[in-house]
Amino acid sequence: MPVKNRFSELLPEIIAWRRDLHAHPEILFDTHRTAGLVAARLREFGCDEVVEGIGRTGVVGLIVGRNSNSGRTVGLRADMDALPIHETTGLEYASKTPGAMHACGHDGHTAMLLGAAKYLAETRNFNGTVAVIFQPAEENGGGGREMIEDGMMQRFGIQEVYGMHNWPGMPPGQFAIRSGPFFAATDLFSIDVAGRGGHAANPHETIDATVVASHLVTALQSIASRNVDPVREVVVSVTSFHTDTDAHNVIPEKVWLKGTVRTLDAAVRDLAEDRLLTIAKGVALAFQATINVEYRRNYPAMVNSASETAFAAKAATKVAGHCAEAPLVMWGEDFAFMLQERPGAYILIGNGDSAVVHSSDYDFCDDAIPAGCSWWVELVEARMPAQ
């Protein structure tokens, strides 16, 4: 299968980039070292233009093809940021930054796109322009949104955009994709429950915030089980429950809840938010408590456009011999913001039998690098064939 031979030659160099990034993780928008290394590499490769500071610490490099008269500009995006996790892999290139770790493979994503950029700058065997996009703050920071609000799409004339993420459990170098909704919208909620505290031996003299909050947690599960059509996806998860006391004999006055709502459909998203707010009001009334809800819409659902998905799958099939149908994923992905602005597609590449992402013993699989780099190049050369 046509994994490009050049990437076998470049593999030790790309692995070295990847492991250096792994050893020096940076969180959210604080990707100054990473962005600096990316920009320096792109300039070494001979990119026609390298712009830093897009979306705070994002980097965009432009590579003009041998023929540029097509007027087409294709964006290729990789994420750069790490997670606030203490690494436990014990690898010799493990994180040197306490409390920070590349636990989602963004080091691999950045290295693969750098490898593809080097190849494309060397060969320029395409007709048009490639914009390689290195984005900060994918992990709940909305870096993709920030780059868009900085005018990235208009400034560089990007007409379509593509992204890639590693996928543990799938063989290294294999691909999977789906058209339409793919990753979920990720809304966040914080709920303050206030009652009347008192002695645990006299509950009748209190408005027990723990009991109120417990009923609320249970009632919120009815959104998925009783309000939304069973064939339409929704997840409502309460992930944090704290009181204002840890004494054995005190009924707390206050409880604080946090959680997330995940949906793939705009109408279900609206319904879930409305029901959560209504249920909170009803529980407060029933128990004579006060409940305040802060509901924040975070990342939208990530939706692959049909023709670009078919094109991405065709490129993956040419590289790997096959491209599977990916499952629906209830995780969030802020590449969704870019796909709201321009047509495009997001694909998964196998990471082998690794730990799951966001775990302290995860590591990106270097064996996936040649296929990932080759997919980027195949996408460009097939989308903008040289004439």
Protein backbone atom coordinates (compact mmCIF):
# COMPACT_ATOMS: atom_id res chain seq x y z
CA MET A 1 0.00 0.00 0.00
CA PRO A 2 1.31 3.47 -0.86
CA VAL A 3 2.64 4.73 2.44
CA LYS A 4 5.19 7.06 0.92
CA ASN A 5 8.80 5.85 1.09
CA ARG A 6 9.97 9.33 2.04
CA PHE A 7 8.24 8.95 5.40
CA SER A 8 10.17 5.79 6.14
CA GLU A 9 13.31 7.87 5.63
CA LEU A 10 11.95 10.74 7.74
CA LEU A 11 10.54 8.51 10.48
CA PRO A 12 13.47 8.77 12.95
CA GLU A 13 13.39 12.56 12.60
CA ILE A 14 9.63 12.78 13.06
CA ILE A 15 9.77 10.45 16.08
CA ALA A 16 12.45 12.68 17.60
CA TRP A 17 10.18 15.73 17.16
CA ARG A 18 7.28 13.83 18.68
CA ARG A 19 9.19 12.64 21.71
CA ASP A 20 10.65 16.07 22.35
CA LEU A 21 7.12 17.49 22.32
CA HIS A 22 6.00 14.67 24.63
CA ALA A 23 8.72 15.51 27.12
CA HIS A 24 7.76 19.20 27.17
CA PRO A 25 3.94 19.36 27.32
CA GLU A 26 2.13 22.68 27.49
CA ILE A 27 -1.48 23.26 28.51
CA LEU A 28 -4.26 25.24 26.79
CA PHE A 29 -2.94 28.49 25.28
CA ASP A 30 0.40 28.27 27.08
CA THR A 31 1.95 26.49 24.09
CA HIS A 32 4.76 29.00 23.57
CA ARG A 33 7.62 26.49 23.30
CA THR A 34 5.61 24.14 21.10
CA ALA A 35 4.46 26.94 18.78
CA GLY A 36 8.00 28.30 18.58
CA LEU A 37 9.39 24.91 17.57
CA VAL A 38 6.61 24.43 15.01
CA ALA A 39 7.21 27.86 13.47
CA ALA A 40 10.98 27.28 13.34
CA ARG A 41 10.53 23.92 11.60
CA LEU A 42 8.11 25.38 9.04
CA ARG A 43 10.61 28.09 8.20
CA GLU A 44 13.38 25.49 7.87
CA PHE A 45 11.18 23.53 5.47
CA GLY A 46 10.83 26.60 3.24
CA CYS A 47 7.16 27.37 3.76
CA ASP A 48 6.17 30.44 1.77
CA GLU A 49 4.70 32.16 4.81
CA VAL A 50 4.66 31.36 8.53
CA VAL A 51 2.41 33.35 10.84
CA GLU A 52 2.45 33.05 14.62
CA GLY A 53 0.00 34.32 17.21
CA ILE A 54 -3.21 33.27 15.45
CA GLY A 55 -5.75 32.48 18.19
CA ARG A 56 -3.19 33.64 20.78
CA THR A 57 -0.56 30.95 20.26
CA GLY A 58 -1.61 29.21 17.04
CA VAL A 59 0.66 28.89 14.01
CA VAL A 60 -0.27 28.79 10.32
CA GLY A 61 2.14 27.93 7.52
CA LEU A 62 1.40 28.36 3.81
CA ILE A 63 2.88 26.10 1.15
CA VAL A 64 2.24 27.07 -2.46
CA GLY A 65 2.19 24.23 -4.98
CA ARG A 66 4.22 23.90 -8.13
CA ASN A 67 1.15 25.26 -9.88
CA SER A 68 -0.89 27.73 -7.89
CA ASN A 69 -3.43 28.82 -10.49
CA SER A 70 -6.27 26.67 -9.15
CA GLY A 71 -7.01 29.26 -6.49
CA ARG A 72 -7.87 26.48 -4.03
CA THR A 73 -6.54 26.57 -0.46
CA VAL A 74 -6.92 23.50 1.74
CA GLY A 75 -6.40 23.68 5.51
CA LEU A 76 -4.82 20.83 7.46
CA ARG A 77 -5.14 21.12 11.25
CA ALA A 78 -3.28 19.55 14.17
CA ASP A 79 -3.74 20.33 17.87
CA MET A 80 -0.71 21.13 20.07
CA ASP A 81 -1.84 21.25 23.71
CA ALA A 82 -1.46 18.74 26.52
CA LEU A 83 -3.56 17.86 29.59
CA PRO A 84 -3.21 18.62 33.34
CA ILE A 85 -2.34 14.99 34.19
CA HIS A 86 0.68 13.58 36.01
CA GLU A 87 2.35 11.04 33.68
CA THR A 88 2.99 7.50 34.96
CA THR A 89 4.42 5.83 31.83
CA GLY A 90 8.03 5.75 33.04
CA LEU A 91 9.22 6.37 29.48
CA GLU A 92 12.65 7.92 29.00
CA TYR A 93 10.93 10.76 27.14
CA ALA A 94 8.15 11.13 29.73
CA SER A 95 6.92 14.59 30.69
CA LYS A 96 9.48 16.78 32.41
CA THR A 97 6.69 19.13 33.53
CA PRO A 98 4.97 18.04 36.75
CA GLY A 99 1.20 17.91 36.36
CA ALA A 100 1.22 18.16 32.56
CA MET A 101 1.20 15.35 30.02
CA HIS A 102 0.51 14.62 26.37
CA ALA A 103 -2.21 12.15 27.29
CA CYS A 104 -4.26 12.57 24.11
CA GLY A 105 -1.62 12.23 21.39
CA HIS A 106 -1.47 15.85 20.30
CA ASP A 107 2.31 15.47 20.24
CA GLY A 108 1.82 12.81 17.56
CA HIS A 109 -0.70 14.91 15.65
CA THR A 110 1.69 17.88 15.58
CA ALA A 111 4.65 15.72 14.54
CA MET A 112 2.71 14.04 11.72
CA LEU A 113 1.55 17.34 10.27
CA LEU A 114 5.10 18.69 10.50
CA GLY A 115 6.30 15.62 8.60
CA ALA A 116 3.67 16.17 5.92
CA ALA A 117 4.57 19.87 5.72
CA LYS A 118 8.23 19.01 5.15
CA TYR A 119 7.31 16.64 2.33
CA LEU A 120 4.88 19.06 0.71
CA ALA A 121 7.42 21.89 0.86
CA GLU A 122 10.01 19.63 -0.77
CA THR A 123 7.85 18.26 -3.59
CA ARG A 124 5.10 20.85 -4.15
CA ASN A 125 3.39 18.30 -6.36
CA PHE A 126 -0.01 19.97 -6.22
CA ASN A 127 -1.90 22.85 -7.79
CA GLY A 128 -3.01 25.34 -5.16
CA THR A 129 -2.07 26.28 -1.60
CA VAL A 130 -1.89 24.27 1.62
CA ALA A 131 -2.42 25.96 4.98
CA VAL A 132 -0.97 23.85 7.80
CA ILE A 133 -2.76 24.87 11.00
CA PHE A 134 -1.29 24.19 14.44
CA GLN A 135 -3.90 24.94 17.07
CA PRO A 136 -3.58 25.50 20.83
CA ALA A 137 -6.17 24.80 23.53
CA GLU A 138 -8.23 22.00 22.04
CA GLU A 139 -8.72 20.50 25.51
CA ASN A 140 -11.63 22.68 26.69
CA GLY A 141 -9.99 25.98 25.77
CA GLY A 142 -11.71 26.57 22.44
CA GLY A 143 -8.50 27.32 20.55
CA GLY A 144 -10.18 26.52 17.25
CA ARG A 145 -12.82 29.15 17.93
CA GLU A 146 -10.10 31.66 18.84
CA MET A 147 -8.25 31.07 15.57
CA ILE A 148 -11.46 31.55 13.62
CA GLU A 149 -12.30 34.75 15.53
CA ASP A 150 -8.82 35.97 14.60
CA GLY A 151 -9.96 35.77 10.96
CA MET A 152 -7.86 32.74 10.00
CA MET A 153 -10.20 31.40 7.32
CA GLN A 154 -10.56 34.72 5.52
CA ARG A 155 -6.96 35.86 6.00
CA PHE A 156 -5.49 32.74 4.37
CA GLY A 157 -8.36 32.05 1.96
CA ILE A 158 -9.04 28.59 3.39
CA GLN A 159 -11.90 26.92 1.50
CA GLU A 160 -12.02 23.52 3.17
CA VAL A 161 -10.36 22.03 6.25
CA TYR A 162 -9.38 18.59 7.53
CA GLY A 163 -8.37 17.13 10.89
CA MET A 164 -7.12 13.81 12.27
CA HIS A 165 -7.06 12.14 15.70
CA ASN A 166 -5.48 8.92 16.93
CA TRP A 167 -7.79 6.14 18.12
CA PRO A 168 -6.63 3.51 20.65
CA GLY A 169 -7.85 -0.01 19.93
CA MET A 170 -7.65 0.32 16.14
CA PRO A 171 -4.54 -1.08 14.41
CA PRO A 172 -1.79 1.49 13.84
CA GLY A 173 -2.11 3.17 10.46
CA GLN A 174 -5.70 2.07 9.85
CA PHE A 175 -8.41 4.71 9.39
CA ALA A 176 -12.09 5.26 10.23
CA ILE A 177 -14.48 8.10 9.40
CA ARG A 178 -18.17 8.90 9.18
CA SER A 179 -20.23 11.55 7.42
CA GLY A 180 -22.55 13.90 9.29
CA PRO A 181 -22.57 14.32 13.09
CA PHE A 182 -19.49 12.60 14.49
CA PHE A 183 -18.42 14.06 17.87
CA ALA A 184 -20.89 15.51 20.35
CA ALA A 185 -21.72 19.01 21.49
CA THR A 186 -20.30 19.38 25.00
CA ASP A 187 -22.39 21.65 27.23
CA LEU A 188 -21.41 22.28 30.86
CA PHE A 189 -23.54 23.03 33.91
CA SER A 190 -22.91 24.16 37.48
CA ILE A 191 -25.74 23.99 40.02
CA ASP A 192 -25.86 25.63 43.45
CA VAL A 193 -28.37 24.10 45.89
CA ALA A 194 -29.14 26.11 49.05
CA GLY A 195 -31.33 24.84 51.87
CA ARG A 196 -31.25 25.34 55.65
CA GLY A 197 -28.56 23.53 57.59
CA GLY A 198 -28.82 22.11 61.06
CA HIS A 199 -28.16 19.23 63.44
CA ALA A 200 -28.26 15.79 61.85
CA ALA A 201 -30.45 14.58 64.72
CA ASN A 202 -33.14 17.15 63.87
CA PRO A 203 -33.67 16.88 60.10
CA HIS A 204 -37.22 18.20 60.43
CA GLU A 205 -35.80 21.60 61.33
CA THR A 206 -33.75 21.79 58.13
CA ILE A 207 -34.13 21.95 54.39
CA ASP A 208 -31.61 19.24 53.66
CA ALA A 209 -29.55 20.38 50.66
CA THR A 210 -28.03 16.90 50.35
CA VAL A 211 -31.43 15.29 49.92
CA VAL A 212 -32.52 18.03 47.51
CA ALA A 213 -29.38 17.65 45.42
CA SER A 214 -29.68 13.87 45.43
CA HIS A 215 -33.23 14.05 44.08
CA LEU A 216 -32.00 16.49 41.45
CA VAL A 217 -29.21 14.15 40.33
CA THR A 218 -31.73 11.33 39.97
CA ALA A 219 -34.32 13.50 38.21
CA LEU A 220 -31.80 14.73 35.64
CA GLN A 221 -31.39 11.15 34.42
CA SER A 222 -34.98 11.26 33.21
CA ILE A 223 -33.93 13.65 30.43
CA ALA A 224 -32.25 10.80 28.57
CA SER A 225 -34.59 8.03 29.70
CA ARG A 226 -37.97 9.78 29.45
CA ASN A 227 -37.71 13.05 27.47
CA VAL A 228 -35.53 12.28 24.44
CA ASP A 229 -36.42 9.83 21.69
CA PRO A 230 -34.47 6.64 22.51
CA VAL A 231 -32.92 6.51 19.03
CA ARG A 232 -31.44 10.01 19.41
CA GLU A 233 -28.23 10.36 21.42
CA VAL A 234 -27.96 12.32 24.66
CA VAL A 235 -25.82 11.96 27.78
CA VAL A 236 -26.46 13.85 31.02
CA SER A 237 -23.73 13.26 33.60
CA VAL A 238 -23.37 14.82 37.05
CA THR A 239 -19.63 14.59 37.68
CA SER A 240 -19.09 16.55 40.92
CA PHE A 241 -21.07 16.68 44.21
CA HIS A 242 -19.73 18.80 47.10
CA THR A 243 -21.28 20.04 50.36
CA ASP A 244 -20.22 22.90 52.64
CA THR A 245 -19.40 20.54 55.53
CA ASP A 246 -17.70 17.20 56.09
CA ALA A 247 -18.96 16.67 59.65
CA HIS A 248 -20.86 13.49 60.54
CA ASN A 249 -23.50 15.29 62.56
CA VAL A 250 -24.25 18.38 60.46
CA ILE A 251 -26.82 18.64 57.68
CA PRO A 252 -25.25 21.00 55.13
CA GLU A 253 -26.81 24.21 54.00
CA LYS A 254 -25.26 24.15 50.52
CA VAL A 255 -24.39 21.62 47.83
CA TRP A 256 -22.60 22.30 44.57
CA LEU A 257 -23.03 20.09 41.50
CA LYS A 258 -21.20 20.10 38.18
CA GLY A 259 -21.71 18.08 35.04
CA THR A 260 -21.98 17.86 31.30
CA VAL A 261 -24.62 17.32 28.62
CA ARG A 262 -23.61 15.65 25.35
CA THR A 263 -25.77 15.72 22.21
CA LEU A 264 -25.39 15.29 18.46
CA ASP A 265 -28.56 17.06 17.31
CA ALA A 266 -29.42 20.76 17.70
CA ALA A 267 -33.05 20.08 18.66
CA VAL A 268 -32.02 17.53 21.30
CA ARG A 269 -29.46 20.02 22.60
CA ASP A 270 -32.19 22.64 23.07
CA LEU A 271 -34.53 20.11 24.69
CA ALA A 272 -31.89 18.88 27.13
CA GLU A 273 -31.03 22.39 28.29
CA ASP A 274 -34.69 23.32 28.70
CA ARG A 275 -35.51 20.15 30.66
CA LEU A 276 -32.49 20.56 32.95
CA LEU A 277 -33.54 24.09 33.87
CA THR A 278 -37.19 23.08 34.32
CA ILE A 279 -36.34 20.07 36.48
CA ALA A 280 -34.11 22.21 38.69
CA LYS A 281 -36.95 24.70 39.23
CA GLY A 282 -39.38 21.90 40.01
CA VAL A 283 -37.10 20.20 42.54
CA ALA A 284 -36.45 23.55 44.23
CA LEU A 285 -40.20 24.15 44.53
CA ALA A 286 -40.90 20.66 45.82
CA PHE A 287 -38.35 20.91 48.64
CA GLN A 288 -38.61 24.66 49.36
CA ALA A 289 -34.94 25.07 48.48
CA THR A 290 -33.14 27.54 46.26
CA ILE A 291 -31.44 26.17 43.15
CA ASN A 292 -29.39 28.28 40.76
CA VAL A 293 -28.16 26.85 37.47
CA GLU A 294 -25.36 28.12 35.25
CA TYR A 295 -25.62 26.40 31.86
CA ARG A 296 -22.86 27.02 29.33
CA ARG A 297 -22.83 25.85 25.75
CA ASN A 298 -19.28 24.73 25.08
CA TYR A 299 -18.19 22.99 21.85
CA PRO A 300 -20.85 22.39 19.18
CA ALA A 301 -21.35 18.99 17.59
CA MET A 302 -18.66 18.21 15.05
CA VAL A 303 -20.28 17.51 11.69
CA ASN A 304 -18.35 16.12 8.70
CA SER A 305 -19.62 17.33 5.33
CA ALA A 306 -20.56 14.56 2.92
CA SER A 307 -18.39 15.16 -0.14
CA GLU A 308 -15.26 16.00 1.88
CA THR A 309 -15.79 12.90 4.03
CA ALA A 310 -15.98 10.73 0.93
CA PHE A 311 -12.81 12.34 -0.36
CA ALA A 312 -10.97 11.84 2.95
CA ALA A 313 -12.07 8.19 3.05
CA LYS A 314 -10.82 7.65 -0.50
CA ALA A 315 -7.41 9.07 0.43
CA ALA A 316 -7.29 6.82 3.51
CA THR A 317 -8.19 3.78 1.44
CA LYS A 318 -5.39 4.56 -0.97
CA VAL A 319 -2.90 4.75 1.90
CA ALA A 320 -4.13 1.86 4.06
CA GLY A 321 -6.21 -0.28 1.69
CA HIS A 322 -9.38 0.26 3.71
CA CYS A 323 -11.27 2.93 5.63
CA ALA A 324 -13.80 1.76 8.21
CA GLU A 325 -17.08 3.34 9.27
CA ALA A 326 -16.32 5.16 12.53
CA PRO A 327 -18.71 5.02 15.49
CA LEU A 328 -20.56 8.02 16.84
CA VAL A 329 -18.45 9.58 19.60
CA MET A 330 -19.90 11.44 22.58
CA TRP A 331 -16.60 13.17 23.31
CA GLY A 332 -16.11 16.80 22.34
CA GLU A 333 -13.76 18.17 19.69
CA ASP A 334 -13.27 21.85 18.98
CA PHE A 335 -12.43 21.17 15.34
CA ALA A 336 -16.23 21.49 15.27
CA PHE A 337 -15.79 25.28 15.15
CA MET A 338 -13.70 25.03 11.98
CA LEU A 339 -16.24 22.71 10.36
CA GLN A 340 -18.96 25.25 11.11
CA GLU A 341 -17.00 27.79 9.07
CA ARG A 342 -15.84 25.62 6.16
CA PRO A 343 -16.71 22.22 4.68
CA GLY A 344 -14.31 19.47 5.63
CA ALA A 345 -13.82 16.23 7.48
CA TYR A 346 -12.20 14.69 10.54
CA ILE A 347 -10.72 11.19 10.46
CA LEU A 348 -9.47 8.69 13.05
CA ILE A 349 -6.13 6.87 12.73
CA GLY A 350 -5.37 3.72 14.70
CA ASN A 351 -3.12 3.94 17.76
CA GLY A 352 -2.88 0.21 18.35
CA ASP A 353 -3.31 -1.56 21.67
CA SER A 354 -2.48 1.51 23.75
CA ALA A 355 -3.96 2.90 26.93
CA VAL A 356 -7.02 5.06 26.41
CA VAL A 357 -6.59 8.76 25.82
CA HIS A 358 -6.71 11.06 28.86
CA SER A 359 -5.09 8.38 31.04
CA SER A 360 -1.77 8.77 32.83
CA ASP A 361 -0.23 5.72 31.11
CA TYR A 362 -1.17 6.67 27.54
CA ASP A 363 1.41 7.14 24.77
CA PHE A 364 1.05 7.92 21.09
CA CYS A 365 2.03 5.02 18.80
CA ASP A 366 4.95 6.04 16.58
CA ASP A 367 4.12 3.18 14.18
CA ALA A 368 1.13 5.25 12.98
CA ILE A 369 3.31 8.13 11.79
CA PRO A 370 4.08 7.00 8.20
CA ALA A 371 0.40 6.35 7.43
CA GLY A 372 -0.73 9.60 9.06
CA CYS A 373 1.80 11.69 7.13
CA SER A 374 0.95 9.84 3.92
CA TRP A 375 -2.77 10.51 4.39
CA TRP A 376 -2.15 14.25 4.67
CA VAL A 377 -0.07 14.23 1.49
CA GLU A 378 -2.46 11.97 -0.44
CA LEU A 379 -5.33 14.26 0.54
CA VAL A 380 -3.52 17.33 -0.80
CA GLU A 381 -2.16 15.79 -3.99
CA ALA A 382 -5.49 14.18 -4.89
CA ARG A 383 -7.57 17.22 -3.93
CA MET A 384 -5.36 19.64 -5.87
CA PRO A 385 -3.67 17.52 -8.55
CA ALA A 386 -0.68 19.09 -10.31
CA GLN A 387 -1.28 19.92 -13.97
